[in-house]
Each structure stands twice: as structure tokens, then as C-alpha cells.
Amino acid sequence: MSYRIEKVNIETIEDAQYRNYFDCASLQRQKKAMRYRRKEDSIRCIMGEVLLKKALKEYGEDISHYQIKARKHGKPYLEPAGENIRELYYNISHSGKWVYLILSDNEVGIDVEKITDKATGIARRFFTEGENRYIAQSDCPDEAFTRLWTIKEAYIKYLGTGLSKDLKSFEINISGDKVEITDQGVTQNVLVTSKKMQEYYVAYVTYNYNNSCMKESEGNEERENISIRINSLSGNVSDSSCTNCCNDDVDR
């Protein structure tokens, strides 16, 4: 199993860059971006497609090789548009200034959240007793809550169930750097990665082929696209990045 993480800080995207990315986006993506009232939301929308194109190119694929469709609960997936095209899976999350994308050869889920100070009320309502104990015993309850919340979100996005799944039906168990998920009493065979990045937490969940949580296999990459230059759009994102080939939402 391998995966790639692509991320971008939208505060680094200058107006000229955004206009270029917008012009090269699919027609559907442009229409969606124009529906947002806030400029930041429009930028997040466009950058989601930019990161997907870039991640696909790293795998030797192009977005035109796929149709983007949605499953029952809205999770988008890549359907190969022809024969001899590898199956790949992706997920996107954004919060504040960050947009994150994960692309893998198996199901994935990712979530990024800014650390919140509203831990107590939400945790009592949606978290298990064990998770509430973890928060109460933490030196920084707000960070502990946000870490748990991102893992929970990443897991239900990995499953593709959305919020139709009761958040108390599974439990996050954290011991040092080790993270396990117990769902209806059964420890799940997933790889959970949870990281703090300044005032944010990010978590991603993938299938664990090696059956060893928190062990990232050789070749997995995380890239921070802080400044994606206009003149590198076709070279670093996609050779066909200006084709209208994305026919559905990518922001899920």
C-alpha cells in the first residue's frame, strides 16, 4: 500500500495564481466556486481540484482517466474511464487556511480541523465515556478533543458512511503514539496517523496491510504545497490541467 498527502495553505495563493487555477479548472468546478460568497471558500474549492490533479500525476495518471462519482452517502470516488487504468482512492478536507488531500491505492479518509475551545459540550454529546476520560485527563483538553474529532471524522470518511454512523458506535484509543479504533467491540485493521500542525490537527485513516498501527510504509509521501507557481501548473499539476474533465464534486 502507498499513499500521498498533498496540502496547500490558501493564504499563500495570490490573486493572479488563483485566476490561473480558476481558468484551468473544470467547468463544473468553476461553477461551484462561483456559488460561494466568500473568496476563501472559492479558493478552497478550486485548490481541491488542483491537488487532486497533482496527486494523480505523481501516480502516473491524469484526471481525464477517471470519472468522479459519489457513493450512497456522498463520498466521491474515482471510476476508471477505460481499461488498464489503476484503481485509486482519494479524500479531501479543509479547515481555515489548509486544504488537505490524500490519494491511495485503497480506501482513505482524511480530516483537518483548527483546535477548538468548544470541547466539553460536543464531547459529552458525541464521544464515548473512554474518549471523554481521555479529554478530561489531558493537560490540554481542547487539543485532546480536536485530535479525537479529526480521527473520528477521518474514520467515517474512510468508511464512506458520513454522519449516518453514530459517533459513539466506535471508540478511539490513544496510547502515546499508538492509535487504535474499536468499532462495535472489534479492533479495526486500519492505519491511523494523527499530527498536530501549529493550531491545527490532521488525521488520516488507511487500510493497514501490515497490521501495525502508525507504521508508515516506505514510499508514502507527504508534501506541503505552500507556493505552487503559476508557471508550474502544467508541469507539476497535470499536463492536461486545462481540460474540462472533472464531472463531479471533489470536496468531501
Protein backbone atom coordinates (compact mmCIF):
# COMPACT_ATOMS: atom_id res chain seq x y z
CA MET A 1 0.00 0.00 0.00
CA SER A 2 1.15 3.54 -0.72
CA TYR A 3 -0.41 6.94 -0.36
CA ARG A 4 0.38 10.57 -0.99
CA ILE A 5 -0.65 13.60 1.02
CA GLU A 6 -0.93 16.93 -0.77
CA LYS A 7 -1.68 20.12 1.16
CA VAL A 8 -1.78 23.83 0.49
CA ASN A 9 -2.05 26.94 2.63
CA ILE A 10 -4.59 29.07 0.77
CA GLU A 11 -3.19 32.22 2.37
CA THR A 12 -0.17 31.81 0.07
CA ILE A 13 -2.30 31.84 -3.11
CA GLU A 14 -2.02 35.23 -4.75
CA ASP A 15 -4.83 36.71 -6.85
CA ALA A 16 -3.00 36.09 -10.13
CA GLN A 17 -2.36 32.48 -9.16
CA TYR A 18 -5.98 31.94 -8.24
CA ARG A 19 -7.20 33.36 -11.55
CA ASN A 20 -4.88 30.99 -13.41
CA TYR A 21 -6.03 27.97 -11.40
CA PHE A 22 -9.65 29.02 -11.90
CA ASP A 23 -9.23 29.32 -15.67
CA CYS A 24 -7.66 25.84 -15.80
CA ALA A 25 -10.33 24.21 -13.61
CA SER A 26 -13.15 22.10 -14.96
CA LEU A 27 -16.37 23.88 -15.87
CA GLN A 28 -18.21 22.16 -13.02
CA ARG A 29 -15.56 23.25 -10.54
CA GLN A 30 -15.71 26.84 -11.79
CA LYS A 31 -19.49 26.93 -11.39
CA LYS A 32 -19.25 25.54 -7.87
CA ALA A 33 -16.55 28.04 -6.89
CA MET A 34 -18.64 30.96 -8.16
CA ARG A 35 -21.55 29.96 -5.92
CA TYR A 36 -19.57 30.75 -2.77
CA ARG A 37 -19.92 34.23 -1.30
CA ARG A 38 -16.58 34.18 0.48
CA LYS A 39 -13.42 34.28 -1.61
CA GLU A 40 -11.66 31.85 0.75
CA ASP A 41 -14.32 29.21 0.06
CA SER A 42 -13.90 29.66 -3.69
CA ILE A 43 -10.14 29.23 -3.37
CA ARG A 44 -10.56 26.04 -1.29
CA CYS A 45 -12.93 24.71 -3.94
CA ILE A 46 -10.53 25.30 -6.82
CA MET A 47 -7.46 24.09 -4.90
CA GLY A 48 -9.17 20.79 -4.14
CA GLU A 49 -9.14 20.01 -7.85
CA VAL A 50 -5.59 21.32 -8.26
CA LEU A 51 -4.31 18.99 -5.53
CA LEU A 52 -6.17 16.02 -6.98
CA LYS A 53 -4.62 16.60 -10.40
CA LYS A 54 -1.18 16.91 -8.87
CA ALA A 55 -1.52 13.77 -6.75
CA LEU A 56 -2.75 11.77 -9.73
CA LYS A 57 0.21 12.87 -11.79
CA GLU A 58 2.54 11.64 -9.05
CA TYR A 59 0.93 8.22 -9.58
CA GLY A 60 1.46 8.48 -13.33
CA GLU A 61 -2.22 9.12 -14.00
CA ASP A 62 -4.31 12.02 -15.26
CA ILE A 63 -7.69 13.20 -14.03
CA SER A 64 -9.04 12.65 -17.56
CA HIS A 65 -8.53 8.91 -16.99
CA TYR A 66 -11.32 8.91 -14.41
CA GLN A 67 -14.89 9.86 -13.83
CA ILE A 68 -15.58 11.27 -10.37
CA LYS A 69 -18.75 9.83 -8.89
CA ALA A 70 -20.33 9.73 -5.44
CA ARG A 71 -21.40 6.76 -3.34
CA LYS A 72 -24.62 6.42 -1.34
CA HIS A 73 -23.61 8.78 1.47
CA GLY A 74 -21.85 11.26 -0.79
CA LYS A 75 -18.24 10.08 -0.64
CA PRO A 76 -16.66 10.76 -4.04
CA TYR A 77 -14.59 8.12 -5.77
CA LEU A 78 -12.55 7.75 -8.92
CA GLU A 79 -14.01 5.40 -11.52
CA PRO A 80 -11.51 4.42 -14.24
CA ALA A 81 -12.73 5.72 -17.59
CA GLY A 82 -11.17 2.86 -19.53
CA GLU A 83 -9.28 -0.42 -19.33
CA ASN A 84 -5.79 -0.77 -17.85
CA ILE A 85 -6.24 2.25 -15.57
CA ARG A 86 -5.34 1.60 -11.97
CA GLU A 87 -7.91 1.96 -9.21
CA LEU A 88 -7.13 4.86 -6.91
CA TYR A 89 -8.99 6.38 -3.97
CA TYR A 90 -8.92 9.88 -2.55
CA ASN A 91 -10.39 12.13 0.10
CA ILE A 92 -10.24 15.87 0.77
CA SER A 93 -10.63 18.02 3.86
CA HIS A 94 -10.23 21.72 4.52
CA SER A 95 -10.33 23.95 7.57
CA GLY A 96 -9.27 27.56 7.89
CA LYS A 97 -6.19 28.16 5.76
CA TRP A 98 -5.46 24.50 4.97
CA VAL A 99 -6.67 22.18 2.22
CA TYR A 100 -5.55 18.55 2.53
CA LEU A 101 -5.86 15.68 0.06
CA ILE A 102 -4.90 12.03 0.38
CA LEU A 103 -4.64 9.68 -2.62
CA SER A 104 -4.05 5.95 -2.22
CA ASP A 105 -4.48 2.55 -3.84
CA ASN A 106 -7.06 1.66 -1.16
CA GLU A 107 -9.87 3.39 0.71
CA VAL A 108 -8.84 6.51 2.65
CA GLY A 109 -10.29 9.20 4.88
CA ILE A 110 -8.76 12.50 5.99
CA ASP A 111 -9.79 15.37 8.23
CA VAL A 112 -8.14 18.63 9.30
CA GLU A 113 -9.55 20.91 11.99
CA LYS A 114 -8.46 24.02 13.80
CA ILE A 115 -8.11 23.43 17.53
CA THR A 116 -11.39 24.48 19.15
CA ASP A 117 -12.30 25.64 22.65
CA LYS A 118 -15.76 24.01 22.49
CA ALA A 119 -14.61 20.58 23.56
CA THR A 120 -16.70 19.91 26.65
CA GLY A 121 -20.25 20.23 25.29
CA ILE A 122 -19.63 18.47 21.99
CA ALA A 123 -17.62 15.65 23.57
CA ARG A 124 -20.32 14.86 26.13
CA ARG A 125 -22.86 14.60 23.36
CA PHE A 126 -20.94 12.66 20.71
CA PHE A 127 -17.99 10.89 22.35
CA THR A 128 -17.79 7.65 24.32
CA GLU A 129 -17.05 7.50 28.05
CA GLY A 130 -13.48 6.40 27.35
CA GLU A 131 -12.90 9.29 24.95
CA ASN A 132 -14.31 11.77 27.47
CA ARG A 133 -11.92 10.38 30.08
CA TYR A 134 -9.02 10.88 27.67
CA ILE A 135 -10.03 14.55 27.26
CA ALA A 136 -10.54 15.10 31.00
CA GLN A 137 -7.13 13.61 31.84
CA SER A 138 -5.31 15.62 29.18
CA ASP A 139 -3.13 18.63 30.02
CA CYS A 140 -4.83 20.43 27.12
CA PRO A 141 -8.46 19.29 26.74
CA ASP A 142 -9.05 21.42 23.65
CA GLU A 143 -6.17 19.75 21.80
CA ALA A 144 -7.23 16.29 23.01
CA PHE A 145 -10.78 16.90 21.78
CA THR A 146 -9.66 18.17 18.36
CA ARG A 147 -7.32 15.23 17.93
CA LEU A 148 -10.13 12.77 18.67
CA TRP A 149 -12.58 14.65 16.45
CA THR A 150 -10.28 14.60 13.42
CA ILE A 151 -9.66 10.87 13.85
CA LYS A 152 -13.39 10.19 14.13
CA GLU A 153 -14.12 12.27 11.04
CA ALA A 154 -11.32 10.61 9.08
CA TYR A 155 -12.61 7.17 10.05
CA ILE A 156 -16.21 7.75 8.97
CA LYS A 157 -14.91 9.29 5.74
CA TYR A 158 -12.76 6.18 5.28
CA LEU A 159 -15.88 4.04 5.71
CA GLY A 160 -17.92 6.32 3.47
CA THR A 161 -20.85 6.35 5.88
CA GLY A 162 -20.93 10.04 6.67
CA LEU A 163 -22.77 11.05 9.81
CA SER A 164 -25.26 8.24 9.29
CA LYS A 165 -22.89 6.33 11.58
CA ASP A 166 -23.31 7.06 15.29
CA LEU A 167 -20.08 8.63 16.57
CA LYS A 168 -20.49 6.66 19.80
CA SER A 169 -20.63 3.34 17.93
CA PHE A 170 -16.83 3.27 17.74
CA GLU A 171 -14.07 4.39 20.08
CA ILE A 172 -10.66 5.96 19.54
CA ASN A 173 -7.98 4.56 21.85
CA ILE A 174 -4.77 6.60 22.10
CA SER A 175 -1.71 5.43 23.99
CA GLY A 176 1.32 7.58 23.28
CA ASP A 177 1.87 7.46 19.52
CA LYS A 178 -0.31 4.38 19.09
CA VAL A 179 -3.87 4.91 17.87
CA GLU A 180 -6.46 2.15 17.57
CA ILE A 181 -10.11 2.23 16.56
CA THR A 182 -12.56 -0.19 18.15
CA ASP A 183 -15.82 -0.45 16.22
CA GLN A 184 -18.64 -2.38 17.91
CA GLY A 185 -16.08 -4.15 20.09
CA VAL A 186 -13.73 -5.13 17.25
CA THR A 187 -10.32 -3.52 16.75
CA GLN A 188 -10.20 -2.31 13.16
CA ASN A 189 -7.35 -3.17 10.80
CA VAL A 190 -6.58 0.42 9.87
CA LEU A 191 -3.51 2.62 9.91
CA VAL A 192 -4.24 5.85 11.80
CA THR A 193 -1.95 8.85 11.51
CA SER A 194 -2.61 11.87 13.74
CA LYS A 195 -0.47 15.00 13.68
CA LYS A 196 -0.54 18.45 15.25
CA MET A 197 0.46 21.31 13.00
CA GLN A 198 0.57 24.62 14.86
CA GLU A 199 -3.06 25.40 15.74
CA TYR A 200 -4.46 22.51 13.65
CA TYR A 201 -4.78 18.75 13.90
CA VAL A 202 -4.86 16.48 10.87
CA ALA A 203 -5.71 12.78 10.84
CA TYR A 204 -5.87 10.23 8.06
CA VAL A 205 -7.03 6.64 8.02
CA THR A 206 -5.98 3.97 5.53
CA TYR A 207 -6.26 0.21 5.34
CA ASN A 208 -3.45 -1.42 7.32
CA TYR A 209 -1.85 -4.09 5.13
CA ASN A 210 0.97 -4.60 7.61
CA ASN A 211 -1.39 -4.88 10.59
CA SER A 212 0.76 -2.44 12.58
CA CYS A 213 -0.78 0.89 13.50
CA MET A 214 1.22 4.07 12.99
CA LYS A 215 3.89 2.36 10.83
CA GLU A 216 4.05 4.21 7.52
CA SER A 217 5.31 2.01 4.70
CA GLU A 218 8.33 3.06 2.68
CA GLY A 219 7.40 5.23 -0.24
CA ASN A 220 4.50 7.06 1.41
CA GLU A 221 4.88 10.79 0.95
CA GLU A 222 3.51 13.96 2.45
CA ARG A 223 4.06 17.14 0.54
CA GLU A 224 3.36 20.69 1.57
CA ASN A 225 2.41 22.81 -1.41
CA ILE A 226 2.91 26.17 0.23
CA SER A 227 3.64 28.03 -3.00
CA ILE A 228 2.53 26.45 -6.25
CA ARG A 229 3.79 28.71 -9.02
CA ILE A 230 1.69 29.75 -11.97
CA ASN A 231 4.34 28.69 -14.49
CA SER A 232 4.48 25.20 -12.96
CA LEU A 233 0.78 24.46 -13.30
CA SER A 234 1.10 22.18 -16.31
CA GLY A 235 4.42 20.72 -15.21
CA ASN A 236 3.62 19.97 -11.57
CA VAL A 237 -0.11 19.52 -11.59
CA SER A 238 -1.15 17.94 -14.84
CA ASP A 239 -0.12 18.06 -18.48
CA SER A 240 -3.82 18.35 -19.32
CA SER A 241 -4.78 20.56 -16.39
CA CYS A 242 -6.74 22.95 -18.57
CA THR A 243 -9.19 20.35 -19.86
CA ASN A 244 -12.73 20.21 -18.54
CA CYS A 245 -12.56 16.65 -17.34
CA CYS A 246 -13.87 16.70 -13.76
CA ASN A 247 -17.58 15.93 -13.80
CA ASP A 248 -18.47 15.91 -10.12
CA ASP A 249 -17.56 17.25 -6.70
CA VAL A 250 -14.15 16.50 -5.29
CA ASP A 251 -14.55 18.25 -1.93
CA ARG A 252 -15.81 15.64 0.51
